[in-house]
Amino acid sequence: MNNEGLKKILNRFRMIALAEGVSFLILLGIAMPLKYFANFPQAVKYVGWAHGVLFVAFIYFMFEVFTAFKKPFLWLIKAFAASLLPFGTFILDKELKKEAISL
């Protein structure tokens, strides 16, 4: 695969990762308090659903980057862990941005 194709895959993963990270923060910081403190469970229902779709997309594109760039297995574990931690995808994005620039 040429550099343009690799760059496209990497940038698509970065965008999904950032969207997944933002949806996770909205879920934890806005939707969950609305559910428990304002008795508004619909916030978690809809934000949680959107976050779930983005999480599945994150996992799919994570494997796409893993195979296209022939990353080590440790990178796969690190990327997955980033998706589970608040602000983790933003930290991962800094690494991915450096890699995108070097392509």
C-alpha atoms as a PDB file:
ATOM      1  CA  MET A   1       0.000   0.000   0.000  1.00  0.00           C
ATOM      2  CA  ASN A   2       1.302   3.471  -0.842  1.00  0.00           C
ATOM      3  CA  ASN A   3       1.831   6.325   1.617  1.00  0.00           C
ATOM      4  CA  GLU A   4      -1.391   8.092   0.610  1.00  0.00           C
ATOM      5  CA  GLY A   5      -3.434   4.984   1.370  1.00  0.00           C
ATOM      6  CA  LEU A   6      -1.700   4.513   4.711  1.00  0.00           C
ATOM      7  CA  LYS A   7      -2.189   8.158   5.596  1.00  0.00           C
ATOM      8  CA  LYS A   8      -5.900   7.891   4.755  1.00  0.00           C
ATOM      9  CA  ILE A   9      -6.313   4.830   7.002  1.00  0.00           C
ATOM     10  CA  LEU A  10      -4.447   6.521   9.834  1.00  0.00           C
ATOM     11  CA  ASN A  11      -6.409   9.778   9.575  1.00  0.00           C
ATOM     12  CA  ARG A  12      -9.719   7.899   9.496  1.00  0.00           C
ATOM     13  CA  PHE A  13      -8.701   6.038  12.660  1.00  0.00           C
ATOM     14  CA  ARG A  14      -7.669   9.309  14.310  1.00  0.00           C
ATOM     15  CA  MET A  15     -11.047  10.894  13.584  1.00  0.00           C
ATOM     16  CA  ILE A  16     -12.958   7.874  14.914  1.00  0.00           C
ATOM     17  CA  ALA A  17     -10.705   7.731  17.990  1.00  0.00           C
ATOM     18  CA  LEU A  18     -11.313  11.399  18.771  1.00  0.00           C
ATOM     19  CA  ALA A  19     -15.068  11.041  18.282  1.00  0.00           C
ATOM     20  CA  GLU A  20     -15.065   7.952  20.516  1.00  0.00           C
ATOM     21  CA  GLY A  21     -13.108   9.828  23.178  1.00  0.00           C
ATOM     22  CA  VAL A  22     -15.472  12.804  23.093  1.00  0.00           C
ATOM     23  CA  SER A  23     -18.535  10.543  23.279  1.00  0.00           C
ATOM     24  CA  PHE A  24     -17.000   8.723  26.262  1.00  0.00           C
ATOM     25  CA  LEU A  25     -16.432  12.009  28.100  1.00  0.00           C
ATOM     26  CA  ILE A  26     -19.972  13.172  27.311  1.00  0.00           C
ATOM     27  CA  LEU A  27     -21.305   9.853  28.582  1.00  0.00           C
ATOM     28  CA  LEU A  28     -19.334  10.056  31.824  1.00  0.00           C
ATOM     29  CA  GLY A  29     -19.504  13.796  32.429  1.00  0.00           C
ATOM     30  CA  ILE A  30     -22.969  14.763  31.213  1.00  0.00           C
ATOM     31  CA  ALA A  31     -25.234  11.781  30.544  1.00  0.00           C
ATOM     32  CA  MET A  32     -24.465   9.810  33.705  1.00  0.00           C
ATOM     33  CA  PRO A  33     -24.997  12.798  36.042  1.00  0.00           C
ATOM     34  CA  LEU A  34     -28.235  13.580  34.214  1.00  0.00           C
ATOM     35  CA  LYS A  35     -29.383  10.023  34.774  1.00  0.00           C
ATOM     36  CA  TYR A  36     -28.563   9.855  38.468  1.00  0.00           C
ATOM     37  CA  PHE A  37     -28.992  13.439  39.657  1.00  0.00           C
ATOM     38  CA  ALA A  38     -31.701  14.783  37.344  1.00  0.00           C
ATOM     39  CA  ASN A  39     -33.658  11.520  36.884  1.00  0.00           C
ATOM     40  CA  PHE A  40     -33.201  11.702  33.101  1.00  0.00           C
ATOM     41  CA  PRO A  41     -32.180   8.184  31.971  1.00  0.00           C
ATOM     42  CA  GLN A  42     -32.791   8.917  28.279  1.00  0.00           C
ATOM     43  CA  ALA A  43     -29.495  10.825  28.172  1.00  0.00           C
ATOM     44  CA  VAL A  44     -27.554   7.629  28.883  1.00  0.00           C
ATOM     45  CA  LYS A  45     -29.716   5.663  26.485  1.00  0.00           C
ATOM     46  CA  TYR A  46     -28.949   7.846  23.467  1.00  0.00           C
ATOM     47  CA  VAL A  47     -25.413   8.961  24.293  1.00  0.00           C
ATOM     48  CA  GLY A  48     -24.559   5.400  25.311  1.00  0.00           C
ATOM     49  CA  TRP A  49     -25.881   4.060  22.035  1.00  0.00           C
ATOM     50  CA  ALA A  50     -23.838   6.588  20.031  1.00  0.00           C
ATOM     51  CA  HIS A  51     -20.756   5.819  22.109  1.00  0.00           C
ATOM     52  CA  GLY A  52     -21.265   2.091  21.534  1.00  0.00           C
ATOM     53  CA  VAL A  53     -21.376   2.556  17.760  1.00  0.00           C
ATOM     54  CA  LEU A  54     -18.226   4.700  17.880  1.00  0.00           C
ATOM     55  CA  PHE A  55     -16.500   2.144  20.118  1.00  0.00           C
ATOM     56  CA  VAL A  56     -17.209  -0.653  17.637  1.00  0.00           C
ATOM     57  CA  ALA A  57     -15.929   1.561  14.806  1.00  0.00           C
ATOM     58  CA  PHE A  58     -12.828   2.323  16.892  1.00  0.00           C
ATOM     59  CA  ILE A  59     -12.112  -1.384  17.336  1.00  0.00           C
ATOM     60  CA  TYR A  60     -12.611  -2.057  13.619  1.00  0.00           C
ATOM     61  CA  PHE A  61     -10.292   0.750  12.517  1.00  0.00           C
ATOM     62  CA  MET A  62      -7.798  -0.129  15.250  1.00  0.00           C
ATOM     63  CA  PHE A  63      -7.411  -3.560  13.646  1.00  0.00           C
ATOM     64  CA  GLU A  64      -7.214  -1.940  10.215  1.00  0.00           C
ATOM     65  CA  VAL A  65      -4.296   0.255  11.336  1.00  0.00           C
ATOM     66  CA  PHE A  66      -2.731  -2.701  13.148  1.00  0.00           C
ATOM     67  CA  THR A  67      -2.643  -4.809   9.989  1.00  0.00           C
ATOM     68  CA  ALA A  68      -1.884  -2.037   7.455  1.00  0.00           C
ATOM     69  CA  PHE A  69       1.052  -0.666   9.456  1.00  0.00           C
ATOM     70  CA  LYS A  70       2.195  -4.075  10.755  1.00  0.00           C
ATOM     71  CA  LYS A  71       2.186  -2.750  14.312  1.00  0.00           C
ATOM     72  CA  PRO A  72       3.402  -4.900  17.210  1.00  0.00           C
ATOM     73  CA  PHE A  73       0.822  -6.646  19.368  1.00  0.00           C
ATOM     74  CA  LEU A  74       1.708  -4.352  22.280  1.00  0.00           C
ATOM     75  CA  TRP A  75       0.452  -1.392  20.221  1.00  0.00           C
ATOM     76  CA  LEU A  76      -2.899  -3.163  19.834  1.00  0.00           C
ATOM     77  CA  ILE A  77      -3.166  -3.597  23.604  1.00  0.00           C
ATOM     78  CA  LYS A  78      -2.169   0.028  24.170  1.00  0.00           C
ATOM     79  CA  ALA A  79      -4.730   1.337  21.680  1.00  0.00           C
ATOM     80  CA  PHE A  80      -7.466  -0.811  23.223  1.00  0.00           C
ATOM     81  CA  ALA A  81      -6.543   0.387  26.723  1.00  0.00           C
ATOM     82  CA  ALA A  82      -6.700   3.983  25.467  1.00  0.00           C
ATOM     83  CA  SER A  83     -10.310   3.423  24.441  1.00  0.00           C
ATOM     84  CA  LEU A  84     -11.220   2.336  27.967  1.00  0.00           C
ATOM     85  CA  LEU A  85      -9.638   5.253  29.823  1.00  0.00           C
ATOM     86  CA  PRO A  86     -11.019   8.785  29.917  1.00  0.00           C
ATOM     87  CA  PHE A  87      -8.745  11.007  27.791  1.00  0.00           C
ATOM     88  CA  GLY A  88      -6.902   7.886  26.595  1.00  0.00           C
ATOM     89  CA  THR A  89      -7.780   8.386  22.941  1.00  0.00           C
ATOM     90  CA  PHE A  90      -6.495  11.962  23.085  1.00  0.00           C
ATOM     91  CA  ILE A  91      -3.124  10.746  24.334  1.00  0.00           C
ATOM     92  CA  LEU A  92      -3.104   8.074  21.619  1.00  0.00           C
ATOM     93  CA  ASP A  93      -3.908  10.759  19.053  1.00  0.00           C
ATOM     94  CA  LYS A  94      -0.697  12.636  19.869  1.00  0.00           C
ATOM     95  CA  GLU A  95       1.290   9.529  18.938  1.00  0.00           C
ATOM     96  CA  LEU A  96      -0.770   8.926  15.802  1.00  0.00           C
ATOM     97  CA  LYS A  97      -0.400  12.561  14.729  1.00  0.00           C
ATOM     98  CA  LYS A  98       3.398  12.276  14.852  1.00  0.00           C
ATOM     99  CA  GLU A  99       3.205   9.128  12.777  1.00  0.00           C
ATOM    100  CA  ALA A 100       0.878  10.772  10.229  1.00  0.00           C
ATOM    101  CA  ILE A 101       3.295  13.675   9.830  1.00  0.00           C
ATOM    102  CA  SER A 102       6.207  11.320   9.186  1.00  0.00           C
ATOM    103  CA  LEU A 103       4.363   9.537   6.340  1.00  0.00           C
END
